[in-house]
Amino acid sequence: METSLLAVIGNNVKKYRDRAGLTQAELAERVGVGTAFVSRVERGQKRMRLETVLAFADALQISAGLLFYEENRDAQLQTLVRMLEDQPPEFIDGVIALVRVCLENFEGRGTD
């Protein structure tokens, strides 16, 4: 079971690193570890302390919960809330308007 959890964490680190447009070296620098460490994490070969997992989540600007599960809608929503926390009300209003447009245009096209 530990191996599968390490693989899930590794796959998620790679997925969110790619989405953030970061190289392994850039992520390593942000986290304060070596590039080889990031590589081993992504391959599911490296266990991390909780503090290191949190550092990865912070560096990737995601909720730590997103690293532990293959798909976790609650963690995704927490990440969205985290991204919006310090934004001014006008910005949040703009995001709401954008989401409404997306829902209107993409609803029923295979999106959940």
PDB file of N, CA and C in Angstrom:
ATOM      1  N   MET A   1       0.825  -1.194   0.000  1.00  0.00           N
ATOM      2  CA  MET A   1       0.000   0.000   0.000  1.00  0.00           C
ATOM      3  C   MET A   1       0.867   1.254   0.000  1.00  0.00           C
ATOM      4  N   GLU A   2       1.952   1.238   0.755  1.00  0.00           N
ATOM      5  CA  GLU A   2       2.830   2.400   0.788  1.00  0.00           C
ATOM      6  C   GLU A   2       3.354   2.725  -0.598  1.00  0.00           C
ATOM      7  N   THR A   3       3.711   1.683  -1.367  1.00  0.00           N
ATOM      8  CA  THR A   3       4.230   1.908  -2.714  1.00  0.00           C
ATOM      9  C   THR A   3       3.200   2.606  -3.580  1.00  0.00           C
ATOM     10  N   SER A   4       1.932   2.193  -3.484  1.00  0.00           N
ATOM     11  CA  SER A   4       0.920   2.828  -4.319  1.00  0.00           C
ATOM     12  C   SER A   4       0.689   4.277  -3.895  1.00  0.00           C
ATOM     13  N   LEU A   5       0.758   4.574  -2.599  1.00  0.00           N
ATOM     14  CA  LEU A   5       0.611   5.954  -2.141  1.00  0.00           C
ATOM     15  C   LEU A   5       1.775   6.795  -2.644  1.00  0.00           C
ATOM     16  N   LEU A   6       2.982   6.258  -2.586  1.00  0.00           N
ATOM     17  CA  LEU A   6       4.144   6.985  -3.100  1.00  0.00           C
ATOM     18  C   LEU A   6       3.994   7.256  -4.593  1.00  0.00           C
ATOM     19  N   ALA A   7       3.449   6.288  -5.317  1.00  0.00           N
ATOM     20  CA  ALA A   7       3.233   6.465  -6.759  1.00  0.00           C
ATOM     21  C   ALA A   7       2.187   7.544  -7.024  1.00  0.00           C
ATOM     22  N   VAL A   8       1.116   7.554  -6.246  1.00  0.00           N
ATOM     23  CA  VAL A   8       0.068   8.569  -6.404  1.00  0.00           C
ATOM     24  C   VAL A   8       0.642   9.954  -6.122  1.00  0.00           C
ATOM     25  N   ILE A   9       1.381  10.085  -5.030  1.00  0.00           N
ATOM     26  CA  ILE A   9       1.990  11.373  -4.698  1.00  0.00           C
ATOM     27  C   ILE A   9       2.941  11.798  -5.815  1.00  0.00           C
ATOM     28  N   GLY A  10       3.767  10.870  -6.270  1.00  0.00           N
ATOM     29  CA  GLY A  10       4.719  11.185  -7.336  1.00  0.00           C
ATOM     30  C   GLY A  10       4.039  11.632  -8.611  1.00  0.00           C
ATOM     31  N   ASN A  11       2.992  10.911  -8.999  1.00  0.00           N
ATOM     32  CA  ASN A  11       2.250  11.283 -10.214  1.00  0.00           C
ATOM     33  C   ASN A  11       1.624  12.665 -10.066  1.00  0.00           C
ATOM     34  N   ASN A  12       1.103  12.950  -8.865  1.00  0.00           N
ATOM     35  CA  ASN A  12       0.477  14.247  -8.649  1.00  0.00           C
ATOM     36  C   ASN A  12       1.499  15.380  -8.612  1.00  0.00           C
ATOM     37  N   VAL A  13       2.650  15.142  -8.015  1.00  0.00           N
ATOM     38  CA  VAL A  13       3.696  16.169  -8.021  1.00  0.00           C
ATOM     39  C   VAL A  13       4.062  16.500  -9.458  1.00  0.00           C
ATOM     40  N   LYS A  14       4.262  15.463 -10.271  1.00  0.00           N
ATOM     41  CA  LYS A  14       4.618  15.691 -11.680  1.00  0.00           C
ATOM     42  C   LYS A  14       3.501  16.422 -12.414  1.00  0.00           C
ATOM     43  N   LYS A  15       2.252  15.990 -12.210  1.00  0.00           N
ATOM     44  CA  LYS A  15       1.109  16.620 -12.886  1.00  0.00           C
ATOM     45  C   LYS A  15       1.018  18.106 -12.551  1.00  0.00           C
ATOM     46  N   TYR A  16       1.098  18.440 -11.265  1.00  0.00           N
ATOM     47  CA  TYR A  16       0.955  19.836 -10.871  1.00  0.00           C
ATOM     48  C   TYR A  16       2.207  20.645 -11.181  1.00  0.00           C
ATOM     49  N   ARG A  17       3.363  20.008 -11.205  1.00  0.00           N
ATOM     50  CA  ARG A  17       4.581  20.700 -11.631  1.00  0.00           C
ATOM     51  C   ARG A  17       4.471  21.071 -13.098  1.00  0.00           C
ATOM     52  N   ASP A  18       4.009  20.115 -13.917  1.00  0.00           N
ATOM     53  CA  ASP A  18       3.820  20.389 -15.345  1.00  0.00           C
ATOM     54  C   ASP A  18       2.792  21.503 -15.548  1.00  0.00           C
ATOM     55  N   ARG A  19       1.695  21.446 -14.816  1.00  0.00           N
ATOM     56  CA  ARG A  19       0.662  22.484 -14.942  1.00  0.00           C
ATOM     57  C   ARG A  19       1.191  23.856 -14.549  1.00  0.00           C
ATOM     58  N   ALA A  20       2.110  23.884 -13.589  1.00  0.00           N
ATOM     59  CA  ALA A  20       2.692  25.152 -13.147  1.00  0.00           C
ATOM     60  C   ALA A  20       3.797  25.628 -14.083  1.00  0.00           C
ATOM     61  N   GLY A  21       4.169  24.779 -15.049  1.00  0.00           N
ATOM     62  CA  GLY A  21       5.218  25.145 -15.995  1.00  0.00           C
ATOM     63  C   GLY A  21       6.607  25.185 -15.371  1.00  0.00           C
ATOM     64  N   LEU A  22       6.815  24.347 -14.364  1.00  0.00           N
ATOM     65  CA  LEU A  22       8.099  24.309 -13.670  1.00  0.00           C
ATOM     66  C   LEU A  22       8.924  23.108 -14.099  1.00  0.00           C
ATOM     67  N   THR A  23      10.224  23.274 -14.136  1.00  0.00           N
ATOM     68  CA  THR A  23      11.127  22.135 -14.309  1.00  0.00           C
ATOM     69  C   THR A  23      11.341  21.497 -12.942  1.00  0.00           C
ATOM     70  N   GLN A  24      11.916  20.311 -12.944  1.00  0.00           N
ATOM     71  CA  GLN A  24      12.242  19.676 -11.670  1.00  0.00           C
ATOM     72  C   GLN A  24      13.213  20.548 -10.880  1.00  0.00           C
ATOM     73  N   ALA A  25      14.159  21.164 -11.562  1.00  0.00           N
ATOM     74  CA  ALA A  25      15.146  22.018 -10.889  1.00  0.00           C
ATOM     75  C   ALA A  25      14.483  23.241 -10.257  1.00  0.00           C
ATOM     76  N   GLU A  26      13.531  23.841 -10.959  1.00  0.00           N
ATOM     77  CA  GLU A  26      12.831  25.008 -10.418  1.00  0.00           C
ATOM     78  C   GLU A  26      12.004  24.629  -9.189  1.00  0.00           C
ATOM     79  N   LEU A  27      11.312  23.479  -9.283  1.00  0.00           N
ATOM     80  CA  LEU A  27      10.535  23.025  -8.131  1.00  0.00           C
ATOM     81  C   LEU A  27      11.457  22.706  -6.961  1.00  0.00           C
ATOM     82  N   ALA A  28      12.548  22.044  -7.243  1.00  0.00           N
ATOM     83  CA  ALA A  28      13.506  21.703  -6.183  1.00  0.00           C
ATOM     84  C   ALA A  28      13.995  22.957  -5.467  1.00  0.00           C
ATOM     85  N   GLU A  29      14.291  23.990  -6.218  1.00  0.00           N
ATOM     86  CA  GLU A  29      14.762  25.242  -5.626  1.00  0.00           C
ATOM     87  C   GLU A  29      13.693  25.856  -4.728  1.00  0.00           C
ATOM     88  N   ARG A  30      12.454  25.834  -5.175  1.00  0.00           N
ATOM     89  CA  ARG A  30      11.359  26.407  -4.382  1.00  0.00           C
ATOM     90  C   ARG A  30      11.125  25.640  -3.091  1.00  0.00           C
ATOM     91  N   VAL A  31      11.308  24.307  -3.172  1.00  0.00           N
ATOM     92  CA  VAL A  31      11.064  23.458  -2.005  1.00  0.00           C
ATOM     93  C   VAL A  31      12.275  23.433  -1.074  1.00  0.00           C
ATOM     94  N   GLY A  32      13.464  23.634  -1.644  1.00  0.00           N
ATOM     95  CA  GLY A  32      14.681  23.572  -0.845  1.00  0.00           C
ATOM     96  C   GLY A  32      15.283  22.187  -0.788  1.00  0.00           C
ATOM     97  N   VAL A  33      15.104  21.437  -1.876  1.00  0.00           N
ATOM     98  CA  VAL A  33      15.672  20.092  -1.986  1.00  0.00           C
ATOM     99  C   VAL A  33      16.447  20.015  -3.293  1.00  0.00           C
ATOM    100  N   GLY A  34      17.112  18.888  -3.522  1.00  0.00           N
ATOM    101  CA  GLY A  34      17.840  18.694  -4.758  1.00  0.00           C
ATOM    102  C   GLY A  34      16.947  18.205  -5.886  1.00  0.00           C
ATOM    103  N   THR A  35      17.409  18.387  -7.100  1.00  0.00           N
ATOM    104  CA  THR A  35      16.659  17.933  -8.271  1.00  0.00           C
ATOM    105  C   THR A  35      16.470  16.419  -8.244  1.00  0.00           C
ATOM    106  N   ALA A  36      17.490  15.685  -7.797  1.00  0.00           N
ATOM    107  CA  ALA A  36      17.385  14.223  -7.716  1.00  0.00           C
ATOM    108  C   ALA A  36      16.268  13.822  -6.753  1.00  0.00           C
ATOM    109  N   PHE A  37      16.081  14.591  -5.694  1.00  0.00           N
ATOM    110  CA  PHE A  37      15.011  14.321  -4.733  1.00  0.00           C
ATOM    111  C   PHE A  37      13.659  14.424  -5.431  1.00  0.00           C
ATOM    112  N   VAL A  38      13.454  15.502  -6.190  1.00  0.00           N
ATOM    113  CA  VAL A  38      12.192  15.693  -6.917  1.00  0.00           C
ATOM    114  C   VAL A  38      11.983  14.542  -7.901  1.00  0.00           C
ATOM    115  N   SER A  39      13.024  14.160  -8.593  1.00  0.00           N
ATOM    116  CA  SER A  39      12.927  13.070  -9.558  1.00  0.00           C
ATOM    117  C   SER A  39      12.498  11.766  -8.878  1.00  0.00           C
ATOM    118  N   ARG A  40      13.089  11.476  -7.745  1.00  0.00           N
ATOM    119  CA  ARG A  40      12.732  10.247  -7.017  1.00  0.00           C
ATOM    120  C   ARG A  40      11.309  10.308  -6.478  1.00  0.00           C
ATOM    121  N   VAL A  41      10.881  11.489  -6.037  1.00  0.00           N
ATOM    122  CA  VAL A  41       9.496  11.653  -5.577  1.00  0.00           C
ATOM    123  C   VAL A  41       8.547  11.369  -6.735  1.00  0.00           C
ATOM    124  N   GLU A  42       8.814  11.970  -7.888  1.00  0.00           N
ATOM    125  CA  GLU A  42       7.936  11.792  -9.044  1.00  0.00           C
ATOM    126  C   GLU A  42       7.895  10.347  -9.523  1.00  0.00           C
ATOM    127  N   ARG A  43       8.940   9.598  -9.316  1.00  0.00           N
ATOM    128  CA  ARG A  43       8.968   8.178  -9.704  1.00  0.00           C
ATOM    129  C   ARG A  43       8.390   7.276  -8.617  1.00  0.00           C
ATOM    130  N   GLY A  44       7.946   7.875  -7.502  1.00  0.00           N
ATOM    131  CA  GLY A  44       7.360   7.095  -6.422  1.00  0.00           C
ATOM    132  C   GLY A  44       8.384   6.322  -5.619  1.00  0.00           C
ATOM    133  N   GLN A  45       9.615   6.812  -5.591  1.00  0.00           N
ATOM    134  CA  GLN A  45      10.703   6.105  -4.923  1.00  0.00           C
ATOM    135  C   GLN A  45      11.167   6.784  -3.643  1.00  0.00           C
ATOM    136  N   LYS A  46      10.545   7.881  -3.267  1.00  0.00           N
ATOM    137  CA  LYS A  46      11.040   8.641  -2.123  1.00  0.00           C
ATOM    138  C   LYS A  46       9.907   8.979  -1.170  1.00  0.00           C
ATOM    139  N   ARG A  47      10.066   8.578   0.084  1.00  0.00           N
ATOM    140  CA  ARG A  47       9.138   8.994   1.130  1.00  0.00           C
ATOM    141  C   ARG A  47       9.517  10.395   1.586  1.00  0.00           C
ATOM    142  N   MET A  48       8.500  11.159   2.006  1.00  0.00           N
ATOM    143  CA  MET A  48       8.757  12.527   2.468  1.00  0.00           C
ATOM    144  C   MET A  48       8.158  12.727   3.852  1.00  0.00           C
ATOM    145  N   ARG A  49       8.779  13.597   4.608  1.00  0.00           N
ATOM    146  CA  ARG A  49       8.189  14.028   5.864  1.00  0.00           C
ATOM    147  C   ARG A  49       7.005  14.933   5.538  1.00  0.00           C
ATOM    148  N   LEU A  50       6.110  15.060   6.485  1.00  0.00           N
ATOM    149  CA  LEU A  50       4.922  15.896   6.280  1.00  0.00           C
ATOM    150  C   LEU A  50       5.304  17.328   5.930  1.00  0.00           C
ATOM    151  N   GLU A  51       6.327  17.846   6.577  1.00  0.00           N
ATOM    152  CA  GLU A  51       6.765  19.215   6.302  1.00  0.00           C
ATOM    153  C   GLU A  51       7.197  19.366   4.844  1.00  0.00           C
ATOM    154  N   THR A  52       7.821  18.331   4.301  1.00  0.00           N
ATOM    155  CA  THR A  52       8.277  18.382   2.909  1.00  0.00           C
ATOM    156  C   THR A  52       7.087  18.315   1.959  1.00  0.00           C
ATOM    157  N   VAL A  53       6.103  17.492   2.273  1.00  0.00           N
ATOM    158  CA  VAL A  53       4.887  17.426   1.454  1.00  0.00           C
ATOM    159  C   VAL A  53       4.219  18.796   1.422  1.00  0.00           C
ATOM    160  N   LEU A  54       4.139  19.440   2.580  1.00  0.00           N
ATOM    161  CA  LEU A  54       3.533  20.776   2.650  1.00  0.00           C
ATOM    162  C   LEU A  54       4.347  21.789   1.852  1.00  0.00           C
ATOM    163  N   ALA A  55       5.666  21.652   1.879  1.00  0.00           N
ATOM    164  CA  ALA A  55       6.517  22.552   1.096  1.00  0.00           C
ATOM    165  C   ALA A  55       6.285  22.352  -0.399  1.00  0.00           C
ATOM    166  N   PHE A  56       6.109  21.101  -0.824  1.00  0.00           N
ATOM    167  CA  PHE A  56       5.792  20.835  -2.234  1.00  0.00           C
ATOM    168  C   PHE A  56       4.461  21.484  -2.599  1.00  0.00           C
ATOM    169  N   ALA A  57       3.448  21.316  -1.761  1.00  0.00           N
ATOM    170  CA  ALA A  57       2.130  21.900  -2.045  1.00  0.00           C
ATOM    171  C   ALA A  57       2.222  23.420  -2.134  1.00  0.00           C
ATOM    172  N   ASP A  58       2.957  24.029  -1.205  1.00  0.00           N
ATOM    173  CA  ASP A  58       3.118  25.488  -1.243  1.00  0.00           C
ATOM    174  C   ASP A  58       3.825  25.928  -2.516  1.00  0.00           C
ATOM    175  N   ALA A  59       4.871  25.215  -2.884  1.00  0.00           N
ATOM    176  CA  ALA A  59       5.632  25.569  -4.083  1.00  0.00           C
ATOM    177  C   ALA A  59       4.789  25.429  -5.346  1.00  0.00           C
ATOM    178  N   LEU A  60       3.877  24.459  -5.333  1.00  0.00           N
ATOM    179  CA  LEU A  60       3.012  24.222  -6.488  1.00  0.00           C
ATOM    180  C   LEU A  60       1.721  25.037  -6.407  1.00  0.00           C
ATOM    181  N   GLN A  61       1.531  25.748  -5.302  1.00  0.00           N
ATOM    182  CA  GLN A  61       0.344  26.568  -5.049  1.00  0.00           C
ATOM    183  C   GLN A  61      -0.935  25.759  -5.143  1.00  0.00           C
ATOM    184  N   ILE A  62      -0.919  24.626  -4.445  1.00  0.00           N
ATOM    185  CA  ILE A  62      -2.088  23.755  -4.391  1.00  0.00           C
ATOM    186  C   ILE A  62      -2.337  23.346  -2.948  1.00  0.00           C
ATOM    187  N   SER A  63      -3.495  22.793  -2.705  1.00  0.00           N
ATOM    188  CA  SER A  63      -3.808  22.206  -1.413  1.00  0.00           C
ATOM    189  C   SER A  63      -3.025  20.900  -1.278  1.00  0.00           C
ATOM    190  N   ALA A  64      -2.483  20.637  -0.111  1.00  0.00           N
ATOM    191  CA  ALA A  64      -1.710  19.408   0.102  1.00  0.00           C
ATOM    192  C   ALA A  64      -2.554  18.166  -0.180  1.00  0.00           C
ATOM    193  N   GLY A  65      -3.850  18.249   0.043  1.00  0.00           N
ATOM    194  CA  GLY A  65      -4.734  17.115  -0.203  1.00  0.00           C
ATOM    195  C   GLY A  65      -4.717  16.641  -1.643  1.00  0.00           C
ATOM    196  N   LEU A  66      -4.432  17.542  -2.566  1.00  0.00           N
ATOM    197  CA  LEU A  66      -4.379  17.154  -3.981  1.00  0.00           C
ATOM    198  C   LEU A  66      -3.239  16.185  -4.268  1.00  0.00           C
ATOM    199  N   LEU A  67      -2.242  16.136  -3.406  1.00  0.00           N
ATOM    200  CA  LEU A  67      -1.113  15.242  -3.647  1.00  0.00           C
ATOM    201  C   LEU A  67      -1.402  13.804  -3.230  1.00  0.00           C
ATOM    202  N   PHE A  68      -2.380  13.590  -2.375  1.00  0.00           N
ATOM    203  CA  PHE A  68      -2.608  12.270  -1.796  1.00  0.00           C
ATOM    204  C   PHE A  68      -3.619  11.401  -2.529  1.00  0.00           C
ATOM    205  N   TYR A  69      -4.382  11.962  -3.413  1.00  0.00           N
ATOM    206  CA  TYR A  69      -5.451  11.214  -4.072  1.00  0.00           C
ATOM    207  C   TYR A  69      -5.385  11.402  -5.574  1.00  0.00           C
ATOM    208  N   GLU A  70      -5.821  10.375  -6.281  1.00  0.00           N
ATOM    209  CA  GLU A  70      -5.812  10.480  -7.740  1.00  0.00           C
ATOM    210  C   GLU A  70      -6.776  11.555  -8.206  1.00  0.00           C
ATOM    211  N   GLU A  71      -7.945  11.598  -7.670  1.00  0.00           N
ATOM    212  CA  GLU A  71      -8.904  12.663  -7.956  1.00  0.00           C
ATOM    213  C   GLU A  71      -9.571  13.018  -6.639  1.00  0.00           C
ATOM    214  N   ASN A  72      -9.570  14.276  -6.294  1.00  0.00           N
ATOM    215  CA  ASN A  72     -10.143  14.714  -5.037  1.00  0.00           C
ATOM    216  C   ASN A  72     -10.802  16.074  -5.256  1.00  0.00           C
ATOM    217  N   ARG A  73     -12.078  16.048  -5.509  1.00  0.00           N
ATOM    218  CA  ARG A  73     -12.814  17.281  -5.812  1.00  0.00           C
ATOM    219  C   ARG A  73     -12.752  18.283  -4.661  1.00  0.00           C
ATOM    220  N   ASP A  74     -12.868  17.806  -3.416  1.00  0.00           N
ATOM    221  CA  ASP A  74     -12.810  18.721  -2.278  1.00  0.00           C
ATOM    222  C   ASP A  74     -11.472  19.447  -2.224  1.00  0.00           C
ATOM    223  N   ALA A  75     -10.388  18.729  -2.459  1.00  0.00           N
ATOM    224  CA  ALA A  75      -9.066  19.359  -2.435  1.00  0.00           C
ATOM    225  C   ALA A  75      -8.926  20.347  -3.588  1.00  0.00           C
ATOM    226  N   GLN A  76      -9.529  20.025  -4.724  1.00  0.00           N
ATOM    227  CA  GLN A  76      -9.485  20.953  -5.848  1.00  0.00           C
ATOM    228  C   GLN A  76     -10.212  22.246  -5.492  1.00  0.00           C
ATOM    229  N   LEU A  77     -11.363  22.124  -4.857  1.00  0.00           N
ATOM    230  CA  LEU A  77     -12.121  23.313  -4.457  1.00  0.00           C
ATOM    231  C   LEU A  77     -11.371  24.106  -3.390  1.00  0.00           C
ATOM    232  N   GLN A  78     -10.703  23.412  -2.462  1.00  0.00           N
ATOM    233  CA  GLN A  78      -9.900  24.093  -1.450  1.00  0.00           C
ATOM    234  C   GLN A  78      -8.758  24.866  -2.100  1.00  0.00           C
ATOM    235  N   THR A  79      -8.178  24.291  -3.137  1.00  0.00           N
ATOM    236  CA  THR A  79      -7.106  24.976  -3.854  1.00  0.00           C
ATOM    237  C   THR A  79      -7.640  26.248  -4.502  1.00  0.00           C
ATOM    238  N   LEU A  80      -8.816  26.161  -5.103  1.00  0.00           N
ATOM    239  CA  LEU A  80      -9.427  27.340  -5.718  1.00  0.00           C
ATOM    240  C   LEU A  80      -9.686  28.421  -4.671  1.00  0.00           C
ATOM    241  N   VAL A  81     -10.222  28.028  -3.538  1.00  0.00           N
ATOM    242  CA  VAL A  81     -10.470  28.989  -2.455  1.00  0.00           C
ATOM    243  C   VAL A  81      -9.154  29.610  -2.002  1.00  0.00           C
ATOM    244  N   ARG A  82      -8.135  28.800  -1.867  1.00  0.00           N
ATOM    245  CA  ARG A  82      -6.814  29.291  -1.433  1.00  0.00           C
ATOM    246  C   ARG A  82      -6.266  30.324  -2.426  1.00  0.00           C
ATOM    247  N   MET A  83      -6.472  30.081  -3.699  1.00  0.00           N
ATOM    248  CA  MET A  83      -5.991  31.002  -4.725  1.00  0.00           C
ATOM    249  C   MET A  83      -6.720  32.338  -4.667  1.00  0.00           C
ATOM    250  N   LEU A  84      -7.966  32.327  -4.220  1.00  0.00           N
ATOM    251  CA  LEU A  84      -8.786  33.535  -4.222  1.00  0.00           C
ATOM    252  C   LEU A  84      -8.789  34.289  -2.897  1.00  0.00           C
ATOM    253  N   GLU A  85      -8.241  33.681  -1.850  1.00  0.00           N
ATOM    254  CA  GLU A  85      -8.339  34.246  -0.499  1.00  0.00           C
ATOM    255  C   GLU A  85      -7.910  35.701  -0.393  1.00  0.00           C
ATOM    256  N   ASP A  86      -6.799  36.068  -0.958  1.00  0.00           N
ATOM    257  CA  ASP A  86      -6.264  37.410  -0.775  1.00  0.00           C
ATOM    258  C   ASP A  86      -6.600  38.362  -1.924  1.00  0.00           C
ATOM    259  N   GLN A  87      -7.501  37.944  -2.773  1.00  0.00           N
ATOM    260  CA  GLN A  87      -7.861  38.773  -3.916  1.00  0.00           C
ATOM    261  C   GLN A  87      -8.929  39.790  -3.517  1.00  0.00           C
ATOM    262  N   PRO A  88      -8.919  40.955  -4.157  1.00  0.00           N
ATOM    263  CA  PRO A  88      -9.944  41.960  -3.854  1.00  0.00           C
ATOM    264  C   PRO A  88     -11.320  41.513  -4.381  1.00  0.00           C
ATOM    265  N   PRO A  89     -12.378  42.065  -3.819  1.00  0.00           N
ATOM    266  CA  PRO A  89     -13.738  41.674  -4.227  1.00  0.00           C
ATOM    267  C   PRO A  89     -13.981  41.816  -5.731  1.00  0.00           C
ATOM    268  N   GLU A  90     -13.398  42.833  -6.353  1.00  0.00           N
ATOM    269  CA  GLU A  90     -13.599  43.028  -7.792  1.00  0.00           C
ATOM    270  C   GLU A  90     -13.016  41.857  -8.589  1.00  0.00           C
ATOM    271  N   PHE A  91     -11.889  41.351  -8.141  1.00  0.00           N
ATOM    272  CA  PHE A  91     -11.256  40.215  -8.807  1.00  0.00           C
ATOM    273  C   PHE A  91     -12.146  38.976  -8.681  1.00  0.00           C
ATOM    274  N   ILE A  92     -12.648  38.741  -7.479  1.00  0.00           N
ATOM    275  CA  ILE A  92     -13.519  37.573  -7.244  1.00  0.00           C
ATOM    276  C   ILE A  92     -14.790  37.688  -8.072  1.00  0.00           C
ATOM    277  N   ASP A  93     -15.341  38.900  -8.175  1.00  0.00           N
ATOM    278  CA  ASP A  93     -16.519  39.109  -9.028  1.00  0.00           C
ATOM    279  C   ASP A  93     -16.198  38.740 -10.479  1.00  0.00           C
ATOM    280  N   GLY A  94     -15.003  39.103 -10.936  1.00  0.00           N
ATOM    281  CA  GLY A  94     -14.581  38.754 -12.288  1.00  0.00           C
ATOM    282  C   GLY A  94     -14.457  37.252 -12.486  1.00  0.00           C
ATOM    283  N   VAL A  95     -13.942  36.560 -11.479  1.00  0.00           N
ATOM    284  CA  VAL A  95     -13.820  35.099 -11.554  1.00  0.00           C
ATOM    285  C   VAL A  95     -15.204  34.467 -11.602  1.00  0.00           C
ATOM    286  N   ILE A  96     -16.116  34.974 -10.797  1.00  0.00           N
ATOM    287  CA  ILE A  96     -17.495  34.455 -10.807  1.00  0.00           C
ATOM    288  C   ILE A  96     -18.118  34.648 -12.188  1.00  0.00           C
ATOM    289  N   ALA A  97     -17.929  35.809 -12.784  1.00  0.00           N
ATOM    290  CA  ALA A  97     -18.469  36.074 -14.121  1.00  0.00           C
ATOM    291  C   ALA A  97     -17.855  35.113 -15.141  1.00  0.00           C
ATOM    292  N   LEU A  98     -16.561  34.879 -15.025  1.00  0.00           N
ATOM    293  CA  LEU A  98     -15.883  33.958 -15.934  1.00  0.00           C
ATOM    294  C   LEU A  98     -16.412  32.534 -15.783  1.00  0.00           C
ATOM    295  N   VAL A  99     -16.626  32.110 -14.557  1.00  0.00           N
ATOM    296  CA  VAL A  99     -17.158  30.771 -14.313  1.00  0.00           C
ATOM    297  C   VAL A  99     -18.565  30.649 -14.894  1.00  0.00           C
ATOM    298  N   ARG A 100     -19.361  31.697 -14.756  1.00  0.00           N
ATOM    299  CA  ARG A 100     -20.716  31.671 -15.334  1.00  0.00           C
ATOM    300  C   ARG A 100     -20.669  31.495 -16.852  1.00  0.00           C
ATOM    301  N   VAL A 101     -19.760  32.204 -17.509  1.00  0.00           N
ATOM    302  CA  VAL A 101     -19.611  32.071 -18.961  1.00  0.00           C
ATOM    303  C   VAL A 101     -19.192  30.651 -19.317  1.00  0.00           C
ATOM    304  N   CYS A 102     -18.262  30.104 -18.567  1.00  0.00           N
ATOM    305  CA  CYS A 102     -17.817  28.728 -18.826  1.00  0.00           C
ATOM    306  C   CYS A 102     -18.965  27.745 -18.654  1.00  0.00           C
ATOM    307  N   LEU A 103     -19.733  27.907 -17.595  1.00  0.00           N
ATOM    308  CA  LEU A 103     -20.865  27.007 -17.357  1.00  0.00           C
ATOM    309  C   LEU A 103     -21.896  27.109 -18.479  1.00  0.00           C
ATOM    310  N   GLU A 104     -22.159  28.312 -18.923  1.00  0.00           N
ATOM    311  CA  GLU A 104     -23.127  28.517 -19.995  1.00  0.00           C
ATOM    312  C   GLU A 104     -22.650  27.903 -21.307  1.00  0.00           C
ATOM    313  N   ASN A 105     -21.356  28.002 -21.591  1.00  0.00           N
ATOM    314  CA  ASN A 105     -20.839  27.556 -22.873  1.00  0.00           C
ATOM    315  C   ASN A 105     -20.399  26.099 -22.899  1.00  0.00           C
ATOM    316  N   PHE A 106     -20.093  25.536 -21.754  1.00  0.00           N
ATOM    317  CA  PHE A 106     -19.562  24.168 -21.737  1.00  0.00           C
ATOM    318  C   PHE A 106     -20.449  23.175 -21.021  1.00  0.00           C
ATOM    319  N   GLU A 107     -21.524  23.612 -20.455  1.00  0.00           N
ATOM    320  CA  GLU A 107     -22.425  22.724 -19.758  1.00  0.00           C
ATOM    321  C   GLU A 107     -22.973  21.663 -20.713  1.00  0.00           C
ATOM    322  N   GLY A 108     -22.912  20.424 -20.269  1.00  0.00           N
ATOM    323  CA  GLY A 108     -23.433  19.326 -21.078  1.00  0.00           C
ATOM    324  C   GLY A 108     -22.491  18.842 -22.153  1.00  0.00           C
ATOM    325  N   ARG A 109     -21.235  19.242 -22.128  1.00  0.00           N
ATOM    326  CA  ARG A 109     -20.261  18.791 -23.125  1.00  0.00           C
ATOM    327  C   ARG A 109     -19.259  17.808 -22.530  1.00  0.00           C
ATOM    328  N   GLY A 110     -19.729  17.015 -21.582  1.00  0.00           N
ATOM    329  CA  GLY A 110     -18.846  16.018 -21.001  1.00  0.00           C
ATOM    330  C   GLY A 110     -18.009  16.532 -19.854  1.00  0.00           C
ATOM    331  N   THR A 111     -18.289  17.745 -19.372  1.00  0.00           N
ATOM    332  CA  THR A 111     -17.567  18.247 -18.213  1.00  0.00           C
ATOM    333  C   THR A 111     -18.410  18.041 -16.986  1.00  0.00           C
ATOM    334  N   ASP A 112     -17.741  17.861 -15.849  1.00  0.00           N
ATOM    335  CA  ASP A 112     -18.464  17.677 -14.575  1.00  0.00           C
ATOM    336  C   ASP A 112     -18.405  18.925 -13.752  1.00  0.00           C
TER     337      ASP A 112
END
